[in-house]
Amino acid sequence: MFTQEQINQLQSLFQTNNETIKKMVREEVEFESQKIRDNLRLEMHHLEVRLDELEDELKDLKISNGRLEREIKLLKQGQEELKTEIFVHTKTLNYIKKKLNKTAKTVDVIGRMFDSDILENRKRIDRIENIFGI
């Protein structure tokens, strides 16, 4: 069997070995933790860069959206103005059509009156020619 001194030496050796293993495990854990922290920092940096890019894109979209809203507003105003102009022109055209129809009827009546006057004059001329033998 072992003597007390040998047992004490073994215990001391185990304790030293235990402390060495603990130290190695601690160093490995710290190394892995540092790797994880570094990876997380790098990933966080990538996320921050991407967030900045997305914020810039969002600002650009807001600017574009504002421009589109202004253009849509201007288009709507233009459409309203065109509707008003079309309404006014339609009213004017209808008025002109009515006047043209009335004028055409008047011309037609005058034409028929002239035609009857011309026939009447033609008959008078024929009678005068017959009377004078021309």
Protein backbone atom coordinates (compact mmCIF):
# COMPACT_ATOMS: atom_id res chain seq x y z
CA MET A 1 0.00 0.00 0.00
CA PHE A 2 0.78 3.67 -0.16
CA THR A 3 2.31 5.64 2.54
CA GLN A 4 0.82 8.87 3.74
CA GLU A 5 3.55 10.79 2.04
CA GLN A 6 2.86 9.07 -1.26
CA ILE A 7 -0.85 9.71 -0.81
CA ASN A 8 -0.10 13.37 -0.11
CA GLN A 9 2.11 13.54 -3.19
CA LEU A 10 -0.60 11.91 -5.31
CA GLN A 11 -3.19 14.31 -3.94
CA SER A 12 -0.90 17.21 -4.68
CA LEU A 13 -0.28 15.86 -8.18
CA PHE A 14 -4.04 15.40 -8.76
CA GLN A 15 -4.72 18.86 -7.44
CA THR A 16 -2.05 20.35 -9.70
CA ASN A 17 -3.39 18.29 -12.61
CA ASN A 18 -6.94 19.40 -11.75
CA GLU A 19 -5.88 23.04 -11.65
CA THR A 20 -4.05 22.64 -14.96
CA ILE A 21 -7.13 21.02 -16.54
CA LYS A 22 -9.37 23.75 -15.08
CA LYS A 23 -6.99 26.38 -16.42
CA MET A 24 -6.95 24.71 -19.87
CA VAL A 25 -10.76 24.41 -19.88
CA ARG A 26 -11.07 28.02 -18.75
CA GLU A 27 -8.67 29.14 -21.48
CA GLU A 28 -10.55 27.08 -24.08
CA VAL A 29 -13.87 28.49 -22.89
CA GLU A 30 -12.44 32.02 -22.98
CA PHE A 31 -11.01 31.41 -26.44
CA GLU A 32 -14.34 30.06 -27.73
CA SER A 33 -16.19 32.88 -25.99
CA GLN A 34 -13.89 35.41 -27.59
CA LYS A 35 -14.44 33.78 -31.00
CA ILE A 36 -18.19 33.92 -30.48
CA ARG A 37 -17.99 37.56 -29.33
CA ASP A 38 -15.84 38.43 -32.35
CA ASN A 39 -18.29 36.67 -34.68
CA LEU A 40 -21.20 38.43 -33.00
CA ARG A 41 -19.42 41.80 -33.32
CA LEU A 42 -18.75 41.12 -36.98
CA GLU A 43 -22.35 40.04 -37.54
CA MET A 44 -23.57 43.08 -35.63
CA HIS A 45 -21.40 45.30 -37.82
CA HIS A 46 -22.85 43.67 -40.95
CA LEU A 47 -26.35 44.18 -39.58
CA GLU A 48 -25.62 47.84 -38.78
CA VAL A 49 -24.28 48.38 -42.30
CA ARG A 50 -27.34 46.66 -43.79
CA LEU A 51 -29.61 48.72 -41.52
CA ASP A 52 -27.91 51.90 -42.76
CA GLU A 53 -28.42 50.73 -46.36
CA LEU A 54 -32.08 49.98 -45.67
CA GLU A 55 -32.56 53.36 -44.01
CA ASP A 56 -31.02 55.04 -47.07
CA GLU A 57 -33.32 53.04 -49.35
CA LEU A 58 -36.29 53.99 -47.18
CA LYS A 59 -35.33 57.68 -47.41
CA ASP A 60 -35.05 57.35 -51.19
CA LEU A 61 -38.45 55.65 -51.31
CA LYS A 62 -39.99 58.39 -49.18
CA ILE A 63 -38.55 61.03 -51.50
CA SER A 64 -39.81 59.14 -54.57
CA ASN A 65 -43.18 58.65 -52.93
CA GLY A 66 -43.41 62.38 -52.18
CA ARG A 67 -42.59 63.19 -55.79
CA LEU A 68 -45.16 60.68 -57.03
CA GLU A 69 -47.80 62.12 -54.71
CA ARG A 70 -47.08 65.63 -56.03
CA GLU A 71 -47.21 64.39 -59.62
CA ILE A 72 -50.48 62.55 -58.96
CA LYS A 73 -51.90 65.71 -57.39
CA LEU A 74 -50.83 67.75 -60.43
CA LEU A 75 -52.31 65.12 -62.76
CA LYS A 76 -55.61 65.22 -60.86
CA GLN A 77 -55.63 69.02 -61.08
CA GLY A 78 -54.89 68.78 -64.80
CA GLN A 79 -57.69 66.26 -65.23
CA GLU A 80 -60.12 68.56 -63.44
CA GLU A 81 -59.03 71.48 -65.62
CA LEU A 82 -59.45 69.33 -68.73
CA LYS A 83 -62.91 68.22 -67.58
CA THR A 84 -63.86 71.87 -67.12
CA GLU A 85 -62.43 72.81 -70.53
CA ILE A 86 -64.19 69.86 -72.19
CA PHE A 87 -67.45 70.86 -70.50
CA VAL A 88 -67.08 74.47 -71.69
CA HIS A 89 -66.09 73.38 -75.23
CA THR A 90 -68.97 70.90 -75.36
CA LYS A 91 -71.41 73.62 -74.33
CA THR A 92 -69.90 75.97 -76.93
CA LEU A 93 -70.04 73.28 -79.63
CA ASN A 94 -73.66 72.49 -78.79
CA TYR A 95 -74.50 76.18 -78.98
CA ILE A 96 -72.71 76.47 -82.35
CA LYS A 97 -74.53 73.34 -83.63
CA LYS A 98 -77.88 74.83 -82.64
CA LYS A 99 -77.00 78.11 -84.35
CA LEU A 100 -75.78 76.23 -87.46
CA ASN A 101 -78.98 74.17 -87.59
CA LYS A 102 -81.06 77.31 -87.20
CA THR A 103 -78.99 79.06 -89.88
CA ALA A 104 -79.31 76.04 -92.18
CA LYS A 105 -83.08 76.06 -91.73
CA THR A 106 -83.16 79.79 -92.39
CA VAL A 107 -80.99 79.36 -95.50
CA ASP A 108 -83.26 76.52 -96.62
CA VAL A 109 -86.35 78.71 -96.17
CA ILE A 110 -84.64 81.63 -97.95
CA GLY A 111 -83.54 79.24 -100.70
CA ARG A 112 -87.09 77.97 -101.19
CA MET A 113 -88.34 81.55 -101.21
CA PHE A 114 -85.71 82.49 -103.82
CA ASP A 115 -86.58 79.38 -105.81
CA SER A 116 -90.25 80.35 -105.82
CA ASP A 117 -89.33 83.98 -106.64
CA ILE A 118 -87.07 82.78 -109.45
CA LEU A 119 -89.88 80.58 -110.82
CA GLU A 120 -92.29 83.47 -110.55
CA ASN A 121 -89.81 85.78 -112.30
CA ARG A 122 -89.14 83.13 -114.95
CA LYS A 123 -92.92 82.93 -115.63
CA ARG A 124 -93.12 86.73 -115.89
CA ILE A 125 -90.19 86.79 -118.30
CA ASP A 126 -91.86 84.05 -120.38
CA ARG A 127 -95.13 86.03 -120.49
CA ILE A 128 -93.32 89.23 -121.43
CA GLU A 129 -91.41 87.40 -124.17
CA ASN A 130 -94.67 85.95 -125.46
CA ILE A 131 -96.32 89.34 -125.45
CA PHE A 132 -93.43 90.97 -127.31
CA GLY A 133 -92.71 87.91 -129.41
CA ILE A 134 -89.20 87.57 -128.39
